[in-house]
Amino acid sequence: MKKLLFPLLFAATVLSAPAQAASGPATGKPVATKAAVETYKVQPQLSTLGWVGKKVGGQHNGTIALQSGSVQVKGNQLVGGTFVADMASIKNTDLTDADYNAKLVGHLKSDDFFGVDKYSTATFVITSIKPLKGDAAGNNATVTGNLTIKGKTNPLSFPAKVGVKNGVASASGVATIDRSKYDVKYGSTLFGAAADKAIDDNFALSFNVIAKANGVAAR
């Protein structure tokens, strides 16, 4: 009887093992889940854009309002974004003479520069964000994307300080833009301007952009 009982018990154990494995809790390392990509809304009232344009013997500076935008966040990393600037909002902040100020701003809005009547917005779409180490200014990423001004689109890369914390994403830095690539020709030696009256083809755009996740109060 014992000789028959042991083989039966052994067979029952082997046959029941797959069923237990299928229905019992899994053992080993847990399966890692990928972080979902979230969209944060840009907060124009908390964001700033500043410009500096240089010419022979001086420079002018001012601001542009950020109209709208969104960024894509994965975990605690910024991975993408789209930003729209209101070109009609261009202001000068270094001139105290009201008439001269108005004249300069009017010229910047004209077809000589940004053609605001026809091209009321400029856009920047991020295509990649790569880690950056050892930057003296404290930037931690190289941002690359496509900038569109006056209907012309060109790639643009610049260093920036980016971060995501508690439902708030931020990006700040300075981008150098070659205006001649965007059909902004006035005062450029590339398009016939005299050297003693030249305006630098490059202008600097400083930015501090804040975006928030849904449910995070805009303050």
Protein backbone atom coordinates (compact mmCIF):
# COMPACT_ATOMS: atom_id res chain seq x y z
CA MET A 1 0.00 0.00 0.00
CA LYS A 2 2.85 2.38 0.88
CA LYS A 3 4.53 1.61 -2.45
CA LEU A 4 1.41 2.79 -4.25
CA LEU A 5 0.74 5.85 -2.06
CA PHE A 6 4.08 7.63 -2.57
CA PRO A 7 3.95 7.72 -6.39
CA LEU A 8 0.36 9.04 -6.24
CA LEU A 9 1.37 11.88 -3.87
CA PHE A 10 4.32 12.77 -6.07
CA ALA A 11 2.15 12.90 -9.19
CA ALA A 12 -0.44 15.09 -7.44
CA THR A 13 2.26 17.55 -6.37
CA VAL A 14 3.71 17.88 -9.89
CA LEU A 15 0.31 18.32 -11.53
CA SER A 16 -0.82 20.99 -9.06
CA ALA A 17 2.35 23.12 -9.33
CA PRO A 18 1.48 24.96 -12.61
CA ALA A 19 -1.98 25.83 -11.33
CA GLN A 20 -0.53 27.32 -8.14
CA ALA A 21 2.03 29.33 -10.11
CA ALA A 22 -0.68 30.70 -12.37
CA SER A 23 -3.07 31.65 -9.61
CA GLY A 24 -0.66 32.57 -6.79
CA PRO A 25 1.24 35.83 -6.32
CA ALA A 26 4.17 36.48 -8.69
CA THR A 27 7.64 36.17 -7.27
CA GLY A 28 10.81 37.99 -8.31
CA LYS A 29 11.33 41.63 -9.34
CA PRO A 30 8.23 43.79 -9.89
CA VAL A 31 7.60 45.04 -13.43
CA ALA A 32 8.61 48.70 -13.76
CA THR A 33 5.92 51.01 -15.10
CA LYS A 34 6.83 53.85 -17.45
CA ALA A 35 5.96 57.37 -16.34
CA ALA A 36 3.17 58.91 -18.38
CA VAL A 37 3.74 62.14 -20.28
CA GLU A 38 1.72 65.02 -18.83
CA THR A 39 0.93 68.37 -20.42
CA TYR A 40 1.48 71.48 -18.32
CA LYS A 41 -0.05 74.82 -19.30
CA VAL A 42 2.27 77.81 -19.69
CA GLN A 43 1.41 80.71 -17.37
CA PRO A 44 1.93 83.92 -19.41
CA GLN A 45 1.31 86.12 -16.36
CA LEU A 46 4.23 84.45 -14.57
CA SER A 47 6.56 84.25 -17.60
CA THR A 48 8.82 86.87 -19.16
CA LEU A 49 10.60 87.40 -22.48
CA GLY A 50 13.22 90.11 -22.86
CA TRP A 51 15.20 91.22 -25.91
CA VAL A 52 18.46 93.10 -26.49
CA GLY A 53 19.45 94.39 -29.92
CA LYS A 54 22.85 95.98 -30.52
CA LYS A 55 23.94 98.53 -33.09
CA VAL A 56 27.05 100.58 -33.79
CA GLY A 57 27.52 102.84 -30.78
CA GLY A 58 24.74 101.44 -28.60
CA GLN A 59 21.88 99.07 -28.01
CA HIS A 60 18.16 98.89 -27.19
CA ASN A 61 16.28 96.47 -24.99
CA GLY A 62 12.69 95.65 -24.20
CA THR A 63 10.10 92.94 -23.69
CA ILE A 64 7.67 90.71 -25.58
CA ALA A 65 4.64 89.05 -24.01
CA LEU A 66 4.25 85.29 -24.08
CA GLN A 67 0.78 84.64 -25.46
CA SER A 68 0.32 80.91 -24.76
CA GLY A 69 2.02 77.57 -24.68
CA SER A 70 2.34 74.14 -23.14
CA VAL A 71 5.13 71.80 -22.06
CA GLN A 72 5.36 68.04 -21.87
CA VAL A 73 6.61 66.50 -18.63
CA LYS A 74 7.61 62.89 -18.00
CA GLY A 75 8.24 62.11 -14.36
CA ASN A 76 10.36 65.03 -13.19
CA GLN A 77 11.82 65.77 -16.62
CA LEU A 78 10.84 68.37 -19.20
CA VAL A 79 10.66 66.57 -22.57
CA GLY A 80 8.92 68.97 -24.96
CA GLY A 81 6.98 72.16 -25.42
CA THR A 82 5.38 74.75 -27.69
CA PHE A 83 5.46 78.50 -27.05
CA VAL A 84 3.69 81.38 -28.78
CA ALA A 85 4.87 84.99 -28.44
CA ASP A 86 2.63 87.98 -29.13
CA MET A 87 4.75 90.08 -31.51
CA ALA A 88 2.34 93.02 -31.32
CA SER A 89 3.29 93.36 -27.65
CA ILE A 90 6.88 94.45 -28.38
CA LYS A 91 8.00 97.19 -26.02
CA ASN A 92 11.16 99.23 -25.52
CA THR A 93 12.31 99.76 -21.94
CA ASP A 94 15.50 101.83 -22.26
CA LEU A 95 14.14 105.03 -23.87
CA THR A 96 12.60 107.70 -21.65
CA ASP A 97 11.61 110.02 -24.49
CA ALA A 98 8.02 108.98 -25.28
CA ASP A 99 8.12 110.13 -28.91
CA TYR A 100 11.43 108.40 -29.65
CA ASN A 101 10.19 105.29 -27.87
CA ALA A 102 6.99 105.18 -29.92
CA LYS A 103 8.96 105.73 -33.13
CA LEU A 104 11.32 102.85 -32.37
CA VAL A 105 8.53 100.45 -31.41
CA GLY A 106 6.59 101.40 -34.53
CA HIS A 107 9.66 100.67 -36.63
CA LEU A 108 10.15 97.28 -34.96
CA LYS A 109 6.55 96.39 -35.79
CA SER A 110 6.91 97.45 -39.43
CA ASP A 111 7.93 95.28 -42.37
CA ASP A 112 11.53 96.49 -41.94
CA PHE A 113 11.68 94.27 -38.88
CA PHE A 114 8.93 91.91 -37.68
CA GLY A 115 5.94 92.79 -39.91
CA VAL A 116 3.51 92.47 -37.03
CA ASP A 117 0.40 93.30 -39.07
CA LYS A 118 0.93 90.14 -41.13
CA TYR A 119 2.89 88.01 -38.66
CA SER A 120 1.27 88.63 -35.30
CA THR A 121 2.94 85.73 -33.49
CA ALA A 122 6.26 83.89 -33.32
CA THR A 123 6.49 80.27 -32.21
CA PHE A 124 9.10 77.93 -30.79
CA VAL A 125 8.60 74.16 -30.75
CA ILE A 126 11.03 72.02 -28.75
CA THR A 127 12.39 68.97 -30.57
CA SER A 128 14.91 67.77 -27.96
CA ILE A 129 16.26 68.50 -24.49
CA LYS A 130 19.66 67.03 -23.59
CA PRO A 131 21.53 67.14 -20.28
CA LEU A 132 24.29 69.75 -19.98
CA LYS A 133 27.01 69.61 -17.35
CA GLY A 134 29.63 72.08 -16.25
CA ASP A 135 27.92 75.23 -17.51
CA ALA A 136 29.30 78.32 -15.74
CA ALA A 137 25.89 80.03 -15.81
CA GLY A 138 24.18 77.13 -14.04
CA ASN A 139 22.35 75.83 -17.09
CA ASN A 140 21.62 72.09 -16.97
CA ALA A 141 20.21 71.39 -20.44
CA THR A 142 20.66 72.11 -24.13
CA VAL A 143 17.29 72.90 -25.68
CA THR A 144 16.82 72.43 -29.42
CA GLY A 145 13.76 73.31 -31.45
CA ASN A 146 12.28 75.12 -34.42
CA LEU A 147 11.76 78.88 -34.22
CA THR A 148 9.31 80.59 -36.57
CA ILE A 149 9.44 84.38 -37.11
CA LYS A 150 7.79 86.17 -40.07
CA GLY A 151 6.74 82.81 -41.48
CA LYS A 152 10.36 81.57 -41.64
CA THR A 153 11.32 78.48 -39.63
CA ASN A 154 14.86 77.60 -38.60
CA PRO A 155 16.43 75.28 -36.01
CA LEU A 156 17.69 76.90 -32.82
CA SER A 157 19.70 75.52 -29.88
CA PHE A 158 20.61 77.21 -26.62
CA PRO A 159 21.58 76.36 -23.02
CA ALA A 160 18.90 76.66 -20.34
CA LYS A 161 18.13 75.86 -16.75
CA VAL A 162 15.09 73.58 -16.66
CA GLY A 163 13.30 71.80 -13.84
CA VAL A 164 10.05 70.24 -12.65
CA LYS A 165 8.89 70.22 -9.03
CA ASN A 166 5.52 69.88 -7.31
CA GLY A 167 3.51 70.29 -10.51
CA VAL A 168 5.46 73.34 -11.72
CA ALA A 169 7.85 73.30 -14.70
CA SER A 170 10.30 76.11 -15.36
CA ALA A 171 12.84 77.07 -18.00
CA SER A 172 15.15 80.09 -18.04
CA GLY A 173 18.14 81.24 -20.05
CA VAL A 174 19.25 83.31 -23.02
CA ALA A 175 18.98 82.39 -26.70
CA THR A 176 20.96 84.13 -29.43
CA ILE A 177 18.91 84.57 -32.61
CA ASP A 178 20.22 85.50 -36.07
CA ARG A 179 17.48 87.79 -37.39
CA SER A 180 18.79 87.62 -40.98
CA LYS A 181 17.53 84.02 -41.15
CA TYR A 182 13.99 85.30 -40.60
CA ASP A 183 13.88 87.96 -43.30
CA VAL A 184 14.52 90.74 -40.77
CA LYS A 185 16.93 92.67 -42.98
CA TYR A 186 16.89 96.30 -41.90
CA GLY A 187 20.33 97.64 -40.96
CA SER A 188 22.09 94.37 -41.77
CA THR A 189 25.41 94.55 -43.58
CA LEU A 190 24.38 91.30 -45.28
CA PHE A 191 21.72 93.29 -47.12
CA GLY A 192 23.67 96.45 -47.96
CA ALA A 193 23.71 98.53 -44.77
CA ALA A 194 26.75 100.72 -44.29
CA ALA A 195 29.12 99.46 -41.60
CA ASP A 196 28.87 102.66 -39.58
CA LYS A 197 25.06 102.33 -39.44
CA ALA A 198 24.86 98.59 -38.98
CA ILE A 199 22.57 96.80 -36.57
CA ASP A 200 23.90 93.48 -35.28
CA ASP A 201 22.30 90.51 -37.03
CA ASN A 202 22.17 88.66 -33.72
CA PHE A 203 19.84 89.67 -30.92
CA ALA A 204 19.50 88.10 -27.49
CA LEU A 205 16.22 86.77 -26.16
CA SER A 206 16.15 86.11 -22.42
CA PHE A 207 13.32 83.99 -21.06
CA ASN A 208 11.85 82.77 -17.82
CA VAL A 209 8.91 80.49 -18.55
CA ILE A 210 6.62 78.91 -15.95
CA ALA A 211 4.10 76.13 -16.67
CA LYS A 212 1.76 74.33 -14.29
CA ALA A 213 -0.02 71.00 -14.21
CA ASN A 214 -3.82 70.83 -14.11
CA GLY A 215 -5.06 71.46 -10.59
CA VAL A 216 -2.06 73.57 -9.55
CA ALA A 217 -3.24 77.08 -8.76
CA ALA A 218 -1.87 79.90 -10.92
CA ARG A 219 -0.53 82.57 -8.57
